[in-house]
């Protein structure tokens, strides 16, 4: 709601749950909503207030007119009982941006190292000092003035894509756009190219991570439990993708506890038990190794295999 006046009588619907906060007031930036009855689900960006004299006068004058037009004048006495009415108004920009808690910087400056702070006698700092282009000495613990986001253009330091505008332009000039799409095609995500990464399914996010790694043109790719949390279908798709990466001539080193994945994927396996290397070899050799069987399945299974 961006402006105007809304009146919600709730007449004859007292037994139903309130949904006004979940629907009508979502994104409210202006105007007033007069509402009768309980209200739940409001966002933090609006106020729920009692009526003042002006509000009661407005409703008292206009309620008969409205009821007359809809042919329900008999409701006037019930609806002009203002003890059940409230109003919803949008917070101002300043009110919406009030922080309820101080930032870490404010806490450090005001509570820890400022005059009277608990560490004021042992920690002295000068944040007005501007570090050089290369931080050295004491400046290594400071943020250079030119990197401070408070002094940067919004398009550079607060970009929703997390890639500053100038960096994106440079990537386009270097032809990286087509390369990025090619990496997405390779991992099967070309159809999600313009979606936010947070909107991807879990398995898709893992494939996106592989695409990001491939963008650095590695000769050796290190993967730590890439199949963790995946269902059988996603694990099978992952194994197929890793084989494609290997076929490109990239060495893939994987840390993985899912033995089914490794037995169907690896050319050579190193098996560890509590940090100790107990076997190495091909998948078939590892599958038949007594120490591996004992470590993963127990001594009884190892004795049975022997």
Protein backbone atom coordinates (compact mmCIF):
# COMPACT_ATOMS: atom_id res chain seq x y z
CA UNK A 1 0.00 0.00 0.00
CA UNK A 2 1.50 3.30 -1.09
CA UNK A 3 -1.15 5.78 0.09
CA UNK A 4 -4.84 6.47 0.58
CA UNK A 5 -7.23 5.13 3.20
CA UNK A 6 -8.50 1.61 3.75
CA UNK A 7 -11.31 0.56 6.10
CA UNK A 8 -11.64 -3.09 7.16
CA UNK A 9 -14.82 -3.66 9.17
CA UNK A 10 -14.49 -7.41 9.73
CA UNK A 11 -18.24 -7.57 10.17
CA UNK A 12 -19.56 -11.11 10.34
CA UNK A 13 -16.06 -12.56 10.13
CA UNK A 14 -15.06 -12.43 13.78
CA UNK A 15 -14.53 -16.21 13.92
CA UNK A 16 -11.94 -16.21 11.11
CA UNK A 17 -8.19 -15.69 11.64
CA UNK A 18 -6.70 -12.33 10.74
CA UNK A 19 -4.66 -12.25 7.51
CA UNK A 20 -4.37 -8.50 7.07
CA UNK A 21 -0.72 -8.42 8.17
CA UNK A 22 0.23 -11.22 5.79
CA UNK A 23 -1.37 -9.65 2.75
CA UNK A 24 -2.70 -6.10 2.77
CA UNK A 25 0.16 -4.57 4.73
CA UNK A 26 3.07 -6.28 3.00
CA UNK A 27 5.32 -3.56 1.58
CA UNK A 28 3.18 -0.76 3.02
CA UNK A 29 4.95 2.59 2.62
CA UNK A 30 2.12 5.09 3.09
CA UNK A 31 -1.54 5.68 3.84
CA UNK A 32 -3.74 4.53 6.71
CA UNK A 33 -5.70 1.34 7.27
CA UNK A 34 -8.54 1.41 9.82
CA UNK A 35 -9.26 -2.09 11.05
CA UNK A 36 -11.81 -3.56 13.45
CA UNK A 37 -10.98 -6.65 15.46
CA UNK A 38 -7.76 -8.56 16.12
CA UNK A 39 -4.70 -7.99 13.92
CA UNK A 40 -1.75 -10.38 13.63
CA UNK A 41 1.22 -10.89 11.33
CA UNK A 42 2.20 -7.26 10.84
CA UNK A 43 5.73 -6.54 9.67
CA UNK A 44 8.20 -4.37 11.56
CA UNK A 45 7.71 -1.64 8.95
CA UNK A 46 4.29 -0.46 10.20
CA UNK A 47 2.76 0.86 13.43
CA UNK A 48 -0.46 -0.49 15.00
CA UNK A 49 -1.99 2.46 16.86
CA UNK A 50 -5.13 3.43 18.77
CA UNK A 51 -7.56 5.86 17.14
CA UNK A 52 -7.33 9.55 17.98
CA UNK A 53 -10.18 12.06 17.89
CA UNK A 54 -9.63 12.88 14.23
CA UNK A 55 -9.80 9.19 13.31
CA UNK A 56 -13.04 8.68 15.23
CA UNK A 57 -14.59 11.78 13.64
CA UNK A 58 -13.62 10.56 10.17
CA UNK A 59 -15.18 7.14 10.68
CA UNK A 60 -18.28 8.49 12.42
CA UNK A 61 -19.00 10.91 9.57
CA UNK A 62 -18.34 8.53 6.72
CA UNK A 63 -19.63 5.20 8.08
CA UNK A 64 -23.33 6.08 7.54
CA UNK A 65 -22.58 7.18 3.99
CA UNK A 66 -20.78 3.93 3.22
CA UNK A 67 -23.41 1.72 4.87
CA UNK A 68 -26.19 3.55 3.05
CA UNK A 69 -24.55 2.87 -0.31
CA UNK A 70 -24.26 -0.86 0.39
CA UNK A 71 -27.74 -1.11 1.88
CA UNK A 72 -26.66 -2.06 5.43
CA UNK A 73 -27.59 0.97 7.61
CA UNK A 74 -28.54 -1.34 10.49
CA UNK A 75 -24.83 -1.96 11.14
CA UNK A 76 -24.06 1.65 12.05
CA UNK A 77 -24.43 1.26 15.82
CA UNK A 78 -22.20 -1.84 15.86
CA UNK A 79 -19.50 -0.38 13.62
CA UNK A 80 -19.32 2.95 15.39
CA UNK A 81 -18.31 1.28 18.64
CA UNK A 82 -14.72 2.46 18.31
CA UNK A 83 -13.41 0.43 21.25
CA UNK A 84 -12.60 -2.41 18.81
CA UNK A 85 -10.98 -0.23 16.13
CA UNK A 86 -7.26 0.40 15.53
CA UNK A 87 -5.28 1.90 12.71
CA UNK A 88 -2.19 0.76 10.80
CA UNK A 89 0.22 3.36 9.44
CA UNK A 90 3.54 2.92 7.69
CA UNK A 91 6.74 3.84 9.47
CA UNK A 92 8.77 6.66 7.98
CA UNK A 93 12.06 5.93 6.25
CA UNK A 94 13.94 7.12 9.32
CA UNK A 95 11.85 4.94 11.65
CA UNK A 96 12.40 1.84 9.50
CA UNK A 97 16.15 2.33 9.57
CA UNK A 98 16.57 2.77 13.31
CA UNK A 99 18.97 0.08 14.60
CA UNK A 100 17.98 -1.62 17.81
CA UNK A 101 21.54 -2.77 18.45
CA UNK A 102 24.83 -0.98 17.94
CA UNK A 103 27.33 -2.19 15.36
CA UNK A 104 30.50 -4.02 16.34
CA UNK A 105 32.49 -0.89 15.48
CA UNK A 106 30.26 1.23 17.73
CA UNK A 107 30.52 -1.30 20.55
CA UNK A 108 34.32 -1.37 20.23
CA UNK A 109 34.63 2.41 20.11
CA UNK A 110 32.05 3.23 22.77
CA UNK A 111 32.30 0.36 25.23
CA UNK A 112 35.78 -1.14 24.91
CA UNK A 113 38.43 1.38 23.93
CA UNK A 114 36.79 4.80 24.27
CA UNK A 115 37.38 7.00 27.30
CA UNK A 116 36.01 5.01 30.21
CA UNK A 117 35.91 1.75 28.22
CA UNK A 118 37.14 -1.40 29.90
CA UNK A 119 40.28 -1.50 27.72
CA UNK A 120 40.76 2.26 27.33
CA UNK A 121 43.95 2.22 29.41
CA UNK A 122 45.71 -0.38 27.26
CA UNK A 123 44.34 0.16 23.73
CA UNK A 124 44.83 3.37 21.83
CA UNK A 125 43.85 3.80 18.20
CA UNK A 126 43.50 6.57 15.68
CA UNK A 127 40.87 5.79 13.06
CA UNK A 128 41.41 9.15 11.40
CA UNK A 129 44.73 7.82 10.10
CA UNK A 130 44.64 6.88 6.42
CA UNK A 131 46.65 3.80 5.54
CA UNK A 132 48.73 3.67 2.39
CA UNK A 133 47.98 1.63 -0.71
CA UNK A 134 49.97 -1.23 0.81
CA UNK A 135 49.21 -1.78 4.47
CA UNK A 136 52.36 -2.32 6.51
CA UNK A 137 53.25 -2.41 10.19
CA UNK A 138 50.45 -1.19 12.42
CA UNK A 139 48.40 -0.39 9.32
CA UNK A 140 47.99 -4.10 8.60
CA UNK A 141 45.12 -4.27 11.09
CA UNK A 142 43.30 -1.29 9.53
CA UNK A 143 41.08 -0.94 6.51
CA UNK A 144 42.54 1.55 4.01
CA UNK A 145 40.44 4.66 3.57
CA UNK A 146 39.93 3.86 -0.11
CA UNK A 147 38.42 0.46 0.81
CA UNK A 148 36.04 1.81 3.45
CA UNK A 149 32.52 1.16 2.16
CA UNK A 150 31.23 4.27 3.88
CA UNK A 151 33.05 6.35 1.26
CA UNK A 152 32.20 4.21 -1.79
CA UNK A 153 29.46 4.65 -4.38
CA UNK A 154 26.42 2.41 -3.76
CA UNK A 155 26.87 0.76 -7.15
CA UNK A 156 30.34 -0.31 -6.04
CA UNK A 157 29.90 -1.38 -2.43
CA UNK A 158 26.21 -2.30 -2.13
CA UNK A 159 25.50 -4.08 -5.39
CA UNK A 160 22.78 -6.78 -4.99
CA UNK A 161 24.77 -9.13 -7.25
CA UNK A 162 27.81 -8.78 -4.94
CA UNK A 163 29.93 -7.93 -8.00
CA UNK A 164 30.69 -4.17 -8.05
CA UNK A 165 29.64 -2.33 -11.19
CA UNK A 166 33.16 -1.57 -12.40
CA UNK A 167 34.21 -5.18 -11.87
CA UNK A 168 31.22 -6.37 -13.90
CA UNK A 169 32.07 -3.95 -16.69
CA UNK A 170 35.66 -5.16 -16.71
CA UNK A 171 34.50 -8.78 -16.86
CA UNK A 172 32.28 -7.93 -19.85
CA UNK A 173 35.16 -6.14 -21.60
CA UNK A 174 37.34 -9.21 -21.08
CA UNK A 175 34.72 -11.50 -22.61
CA UNK A 176 34.14 -13.28 -19.29
CA UNK A 177 30.36 -13.23 -19.76
CA UNK A 178 30.42 -15.91 -22.45
CA UNK A 179 32.97 -17.90 -20.46
CA UNK A 180 30.71 -17.80 -17.40
CA UNK A 181 27.77 -19.07 -19.46
CA UNK A 182 29.96 -21.84 -20.82
CA UNK A 183 30.84 -22.98 -17.30
CA UNK A 184 27.12 -22.98 -16.43
CA UNK A 185 26.36 -25.02 -19.55
CA UNK A 186 29.07 -27.49 -18.56
CA UNK A 187 27.53 -28.14 -15.13
CA UNK A 188 23.96 -28.14 -16.46
CA UNK A 189 22.82 -24.79 -15.04
CA UNK A 190 22.50 -22.62 -18.14
CA UNK A 191 18.73 -22.41 -17.59
CA UNK A 192 19.34 -20.85 -14.13
CA UNK A 193 21.86 -18.26 -15.37
CA UNK A 194 19.79 -15.27 -14.27
CA UNK A 195 18.54 -16.68 -10.95
CA UNK A 196 20.02 -15.76 -7.59
CA UNK A 197 22.25 -18.52 -6.23
CA UNK A 198 20.21 -18.62 -3.01
CA UNK A 199 17.15 -19.69 -5.05
CA UNK A 200 18.87 -22.83 -6.37
CA UNK A 201 18.17 -26.29 -4.99
CA UNK A 202 20.88 -27.85 -2.82
CA UNK A 203 22.25 -30.08 -5.59
CA UNK A 204 22.26 -27.15 -8.02
CA UNK A 205 24.21 -25.03 -5.54
CA UNK A 206 26.90 -27.72 -5.34
CA UNK A 207 27.15 -27.78 -9.13
CA UNK A 208 27.40 -23.98 -9.13
CA UNK A 209 30.34 -24.27 -6.73
CA UNK A 210 32.06 -26.54 -9.25
CA UNK A 211 31.43 -24.00 -12.01
CA UNK A 212 33.01 -21.26 -9.87
CA UNK A 213 36.03 -23.46 -9.23
CA UNK A 214 36.42 -24.22 -12.94
CA UNK A 215 36.40 -20.49 -13.70
CA UNK A 216 39.89 -20.29 -12.17
CA UNK A 217 41.18 -22.75 -14.82
CA UNK A 218 42.64 -25.21 -12.29
CA UNK A 219 44.97 -28.10 -13.04
CA UNK A 220 44.12 -29.67 -9.68
CA UNK A 221 40.62 -29.47 -8.21
CA UNK A 222 40.19 -30.21 -4.48
CA UNK A 223 36.71 -31.30 -3.35
CA UNK A 224 35.78 -31.86 0.29
CA UNK A 225 32.79 -34.23 0.61
CA UNK A 226 31.02 -32.94 -2.51
CA UNK A 227 28.25 -35.56 -2.17
CA UNK A 228 27.39 -34.66 1.44
CA UNK A 229 23.65 -34.15 1.90
CA UNK A 230 22.76 -35.24 -1.62
CA UNK A 231 20.09 -37.78 -2.51
CA UNK A 232 21.02 -40.78 -4.75
CA UNK A 233 19.97 -39.00 -7.95
CA UNK A 234 22.01 -35.90 -7.13
CA UNK A 235 25.02 -38.06 -6.19
CA UNK A 236 24.80 -39.88 -9.54
CA UNK A 237 24.65 -36.53 -11.40
CA UNK A 238 27.64 -35.31 -9.41
CA UNK A 239 29.72 -38.39 -10.28
CA UNK A 240 28.90 -37.90 -13.96
CA UNK A 241 29.97 -34.25 -13.75
CA UNK A 242 33.26 -35.08 -12.00
CA UNK A 243 34.03 -37.62 -14.72
CA UNK A 244 33.51 -34.88 -17.31
CA UNK A 245 35.90 -32.64 -15.38
CA UNK A 246 38.49 -35.44 -15.28
CA UNK A 247 38.06 -35.96 -19.04
CA UNK A 248 39.14 -32.34 -19.48
CA UNK A 249 42.54 -33.28 -18.11
CA UNK A 250 41.96 -31.82 -14.66
CA UNK A 251 43.14 -33.88 -11.71
CA UNK A 252 40.43 -34.19 -9.05
CA UNK A 253 41.34 -34.93 -5.42
CA UNK A 254 38.28 -35.81 -3.32
CA UNK A 255 37.78 -36.27 0.41
CA UNK A 256 34.63 -38.35 0.75
CA UNK A 257 33.01 -40.71 3.28
CA UNK A 258 30.46 -42.09 0.82
CA UNK A 259 32.28 -45.24 -0.31
CA UNK A 260 29.70 -45.96 -3.00
CA UNK A 261 30.54 -42.66 -4.63
CA UNK A 262 34.28 -43.27 -4.46
CA UNK A 263 34.18 -46.88 -5.65
CA UNK A 264 32.27 -45.82 -8.76
CA UNK A 265 34.34 -42.73 -9.42
CA UNK A 266 37.97 -42.85 -8.32
CA UNK A 267 40.92 -44.21 -10.29
CA UNK A 268 43.06 -44.43 -7.15
CA UNK A 269 41.98 -44.37 -3.50
CA UNK A 270 43.79 -43.61 -0.25
CA UNK A 271 41.93 -45.02 2.77
CA UNK A 272 42.45 -43.52 6.22
CA UNK A 273 41.37 -44.70 9.65
CA UNK A 274 41.59 -42.12 12.47
CA UNK A 275 44.12 -40.12 10.47
CA UNK A 276 46.31 -43.12 9.61
CA UNK A 277 46.81 -44.27 6.03
CA UNK A 278 45.79 -47.95 6.03
CA UNK A 279 45.60 -48.72 2.30
CA UNK A 280 45.94 -47.35 -1.18
CA UNK A 281 45.20 -48.72 -4.60
CA UNK A 282 42.48 -49.14 -7.18
CA UNK A 283 38.83 -49.39 -6.09
CA UNK A 284 38.91 -53.19 -6.47
CA UNK A 285 42.05 -53.41 -4.33
CA UNK A 286 40.56 -51.18 -1.65
CA UNK A 287 37.31 -53.15 -1.68
CA UNK A 288 39.18 -56.36 -0.91
CA UNK A 289 41.66 -54.94 1.61
CA UNK A 290 41.14 -56.55 5.08
CA UNK A 291 42.17 -53.40 7.01
CA UNK A 292 39.67 -51.31 5.06
CA UNK A 293 36.92 -53.86 5.66
CA UNK A 294 37.72 -53.95 9.37
CA UNK A 295 37.81 -50.16 9.67
CA UNK A 296 34.55 -49.59 7.82
CA UNK A 297 32.52 -52.74 8.53
CA UNK A 298 34.09 -54.24 11.68
CA UNK A 299 36.46 -57.12 12.53
CA UNK A 300 33.77 -59.74 12.09
CA UNK A 301 33.27 -58.86 8.45
CA UNK A 302 37.04 -58.80 7.88
CA UNK A 303 37.38 -62.31 9.36
CA UNK A 304 34.48 -63.51 7.22
CA UNK A 305 36.07 -62.10 4.07
CA UNK A 306 39.38 -63.80 4.97
